[in-house]
């Protein structure tokens, strides 16, 4: 199960799943940036976690990858 940690910093939400972190960063109105995409096991949970912060998948304007596995 993926866990959402709201406001890890102002406007930045941490998504934790199986010792892997992703970050959802609030941008302009209705825009978000996803930092790292996690592993495939977290993707089914992503929609639920976005809903918890009032976001939708189509509001992710960018995905930033910091490294690869």
N, C-alpha and C. Protein backbone atom coordinates (compact mmCIF):
# COMPACT_ATOMS: atom_id res chain seq x y z
N UNK A 1 0.83 -1.18 0.00
CA UNK A 1 0.00 0.00 0.00
C UNK A 1 0.88 1.24 0.00
N UNK A 2 0.55 2.18 -0.81
CA UNK A 2 1.28 3.45 -0.87
C UNK A 2 0.70 4.40 0.17
N UNK A 3 1.58 5.24 0.73
CA UNK A 3 1.20 6.18 1.77
C UNK A 3 1.50 7.59 1.31
N UNK A 4 0.57 8.50 1.57
CA UNK A 4 0.75 9.90 1.24
C UNK A 4 1.13 10.66 2.50
N UNK A 5 2.19 11.44 2.42
CA UNK A 5 2.60 12.33 3.51
C UNK A 5 2.40 13.75 3.00
N UNK A 6 1.27 14.35 3.38
CA UNK A 6 0.93 15.69 2.89
C UNK A 6 1.87 16.73 3.45
N UNK A 7 2.18 17.69 2.62
CA UNK A 7 3.00 18.84 3.01
C UNK A 7 4.30 18.44 3.70
N UNK A 8 5.07 17.59 3.04
CA UNK A 8 6.43 17.30 3.51
C UNK A 8 7.18 18.63 3.60
N UNK A 9 6.84 19.52 2.73
CA UNK A 9 7.23 20.94 2.76
C UNK A 9 6.03 21.66 2.15
N UNK A 10 5.98 22.95 2.26
CA UNK A 10 4.83 23.69 1.76
C UNK A 10 4.60 23.39 0.28
N UNK A 11 3.44 22.78 -0.04
CA UNK A 11 3.09 22.48 -1.42
C UNK A 11 3.79 21.27 -2.02
N UNK A 12 4.49 20.50 -1.18
CA UNK A 12 5.19 19.30 -1.66
C UNK A 12 4.70 18.10 -0.85
N UNK A 13 4.21 17.10 -1.55
CA UNK A 13 3.64 15.91 -0.92
C UNK A 13 4.50 14.70 -1.27
N UNK A 14 4.84 13.91 -0.26
CA UNK A 14 5.68 12.72 -0.48
C UNK A 14 4.79 11.48 -0.57
N UNK A 15 5.03 10.67 -1.57
CA UNK A 15 4.33 9.39 -1.75
C UNK A 15 5.36 8.30 -1.50
N UNK A 16 5.07 7.44 -0.54
CA UNK A 16 6.00 6.38 -0.15
C UNK A 16 5.40 5.02 -0.48
N UNK A 17 6.20 4.17 -1.10
CA UNK A 17 5.75 2.82 -1.43
C UNK A 17 6.97 1.91 -1.50
N UNK A 18 7.00 0.89 -0.68
CA UNK A 18 8.07 -0.11 -0.71
C UNK A 18 9.46 0.53 -0.67
N UNK A 19 9.66 1.45 0.24
CA UNK A 19 10.96 2.12 0.44
C UNK A 19 11.37 2.99 -0.74
N UNK A 20 10.41 3.37 -1.55
CA UNK A 20 10.66 4.26 -2.69
C UNK A 20 9.80 5.50 -2.48
N UNK A 21 10.38 6.66 -2.74
CA UNK A 21 9.65 7.92 -2.58
C UNK A 21 9.43 8.60 -3.92
N UNK A 22 8.27 9.22 -4.03
CA UNK A 22 7.92 10.08 -5.15
C UNK A 22 7.43 11.37 -4.51
N UNK A 23 7.51 12.47 -5.23
CA UNK A 23 7.05 13.75 -4.69
C UNK A 23 6.10 14.40 -5.68
N UNK A 24 4.99 14.91 -5.17
CA UNK A 24 4.02 15.65 -5.95
C UNK A 24 4.16 17.11 -5.55
N UNK A 25 4.54 17.95 -6.50
CA UNK A 25 4.80 19.37 -6.22
C UNK A 25 3.69 20.20 -6.84
N UNK A 26 3.06 21.03 -6.01
CA UNK A 26 2.01 21.93 -6.50
C UNK A 26 2.66 23.07 -7.27
N UNK A 27 2.15 23.33 -8.47
CA UNK A 27 2.65 24.43 -9.28
C UNK A 27 1.61 25.53 -9.35
N UNK A 28 1.33 25.97 -10.57
CA UNK A 28 0.28 26.97 -10.76
C UNK A 28 -1.07 26.34 -10.47
N UNK A 29 -2.13 27.13 -10.59
CA UNK A 29 -3.48 26.60 -10.32
C UNK A 29 -3.77 25.34 -11.14
N UNK A 30 -4.05 24.24 -10.45
CA UNK A 30 -4.39 23.00 -11.13
C UNK A 30 -3.24 22.31 -11.83
N UNK A 31 -2.00 22.69 -11.52
CA UNK A 31 -0.84 22.04 -12.14
C UNK A 31 0.05 21.41 -11.09
N UNK A 32 0.53 20.23 -11.41
CA UNK A 32 1.40 19.49 -10.50
C UNK A 32 2.57 18.93 -11.28
N UNK A 33 3.68 18.74 -10.58
CA UNK A 33 4.84 18.06 -11.14
C UNK A 33 5.10 16.84 -10.27
N UNK A 34 5.33 15.71 -10.90
CA UNK A 34 5.64 14.48 -10.20
C UNK A 34 7.15 14.26 -10.29
N UNK A 35 7.80 14.21 -9.13
CA UNK A 35 9.24 13.98 -9.09
C UNK A 35 9.45 12.49 -8.86
N UNK A 36 10.07 11.84 -9.81
CA UNK A 36 10.27 10.39 -9.86
C UNK A 36 8.93 9.70 -10.06
N UNK A 37 8.96 8.59 -10.74
CA UNK A 37 7.72 7.90 -11.09
C UNK A 37 7.51 6.65 -10.25
N UNK A 38 8.43 6.37 -9.33
CA UNK A 38 8.26 5.19 -8.50
C UNK A 38 8.41 3.92 -9.32
N UNK A 39 7.99 2.84 -8.72
CA UNK A 39 8.01 1.53 -9.38
C UNK A 39 6.60 1.18 -9.82
N UNK A 40 6.43 0.28 -10.77
CA UNK A 40 5.09 -0.04 -11.27
C UNK A 40 4.08 -0.42 -10.19
N UNK A 41 4.53 -0.95 -9.07
CA UNK A 41 3.61 -1.34 -8.01
C UNK A 41 2.85 -0.18 -7.39
N UNK A 42 3.37 1.03 -7.50
CA UNK A 42 2.69 2.19 -6.91
C UNK A 42 1.67 2.81 -7.86
N UNK A 43 1.80 2.57 -9.14
CA UNK A 43 0.95 3.23 -10.12
C UNK A 43 -0.54 3.00 -9.89
N UNK A 44 -0.99 1.79 -9.51
CA UNK A 44 -2.42 1.62 -9.26
C UNK A 44 -2.93 2.49 -8.09
N UNK A 45 -2.04 2.87 -7.19
CA UNK A 45 -2.43 3.68 -6.03
C UNK A 45 -2.39 5.18 -6.32
N UNK A 46 -1.73 5.56 -7.40
CA UNK A 46 -1.49 6.97 -7.67
C UNK A 46 -2.78 7.78 -7.79
N UNK A 47 -3.77 7.25 -8.46
CA UNK A 47 -5.04 7.96 -8.62
C UNK A 47 -5.68 8.29 -7.28
N UNK A 48 -5.68 7.33 -6.37
CA UNK A 48 -6.26 7.54 -5.04
C UNK A 48 -5.48 8.60 -4.28
N UNK A 49 -4.16 8.56 -4.38
CA UNK A 49 -3.34 9.53 -3.67
C UNK A 49 -3.49 10.93 -4.24
N UNK A 50 -3.63 11.03 -5.55
CA UNK A 50 -3.89 12.34 -6.16
C UNK A 50 -5.21 12.91 -5.66
N UNK A 51 -6.22 12.07 -5.57
CA UNK A 51 -7.53 12.50 -5.08
C UNK A 51 -7.43 13.05 -3.66
N UNK A 52 -6.57 12.46 -2.84
CA UNK A 52 -6.41 12.92 -1.46
C UNK A 52 -5.91 14.36 -1.37
N UNK A 53 -5.17 14.81 -2.37
CA UNK A 53 -4.68 16.20 -2.36
C UNK A 53 -5.52 17.09 -3.29
N UNK A 54 -6.59 16.53 -3.84
CA UNK A 54 -7.48 17.31 -4.71
C UNK A 54 -6.98 17.44 -6.13
N UNK A 55 -6.17 16.49 -6.58
CA UNK A 55 -5.60 16.53 -7.93
C UNK A 55 -6.13 15.38 -8.77
N UNK A 56 -5.99 15.53 -10.08
CA UNK A 56 -6.35 14.48 -11.04
C UNK A 56 -5.13 14.15 -11.88
N UNK A 57 -5.05 12.94 -12.44
CA UNK A 57 -3.90 12.57 -13.27
C UNK A 57 -3.65 13.54 -14.43
N UNK A 58 -4.72 14.08 -15.02
CA UNK A 58 -4.52 14.99 -16.16
C UNK A 58 -3.96 16.35 -15.75
N UNK A 59 -3.82 16.59 -14.45
CA UNK A 59 -3.23 17.85 -13.96
C UNK A 59 -1.72 17.73 -13.74
N UNK A 60 -1.16 16.54 -13.96
CA UNK A 60 0.29 16.39 -13.86
C UNK A 60 0.89 16.94 -15.15
N UNK A 61 1.53 18.10 -15.03
CA UNK A 61 2.07 18.79 -16.20
C UNK A 61 3.45 18.27 -16.60
N UNK A 62 4.18 17.70 -15.61
CA UNK A 62 5.53 17.22 -15.91
C UNK A 62 5.91 16.10 -14.97
N UNK A 63 6.78 15.24 -15.43
CA UNK A 63 7.38 14.18 -14.61
C UNK A 63 8.88 14.37 -14.70
N UNK A 64 9.52 14.51 -13.55
CA UNK A 64 10.97 14.70 -13.49
C UNK A 64 11.59 13.44 -12.91
N UNK A 65 12.50 12.84 -13.65
CA UNK A 65 13.20 11.64 -13.19
C UNK A 65 14.57 12.03 -12.68
N UNK A 66 14.86 11.67 -11.45
CA UNK A 66 16.16 12.02 -10.86
C UNK A 66 17.19 10.90 -11.01
N UNK A 67 16.70 9.68 -11.28
CA UNK A 67 17.59 8.55 -11.45
C UNK A 67 16.79 7.37 -12.01
N UNK A 68 17.47 6.32 -12.39
CA UNK A 68 16.81 5.13 -12.94
C UNK A 68 17.16 3.91 -12.12
N UNK A 69 16.28 2.92 -12.18
CA UNK A 69 16.53 1.63 -11.50
C UNK A 69 16.72 0.57 -12.57
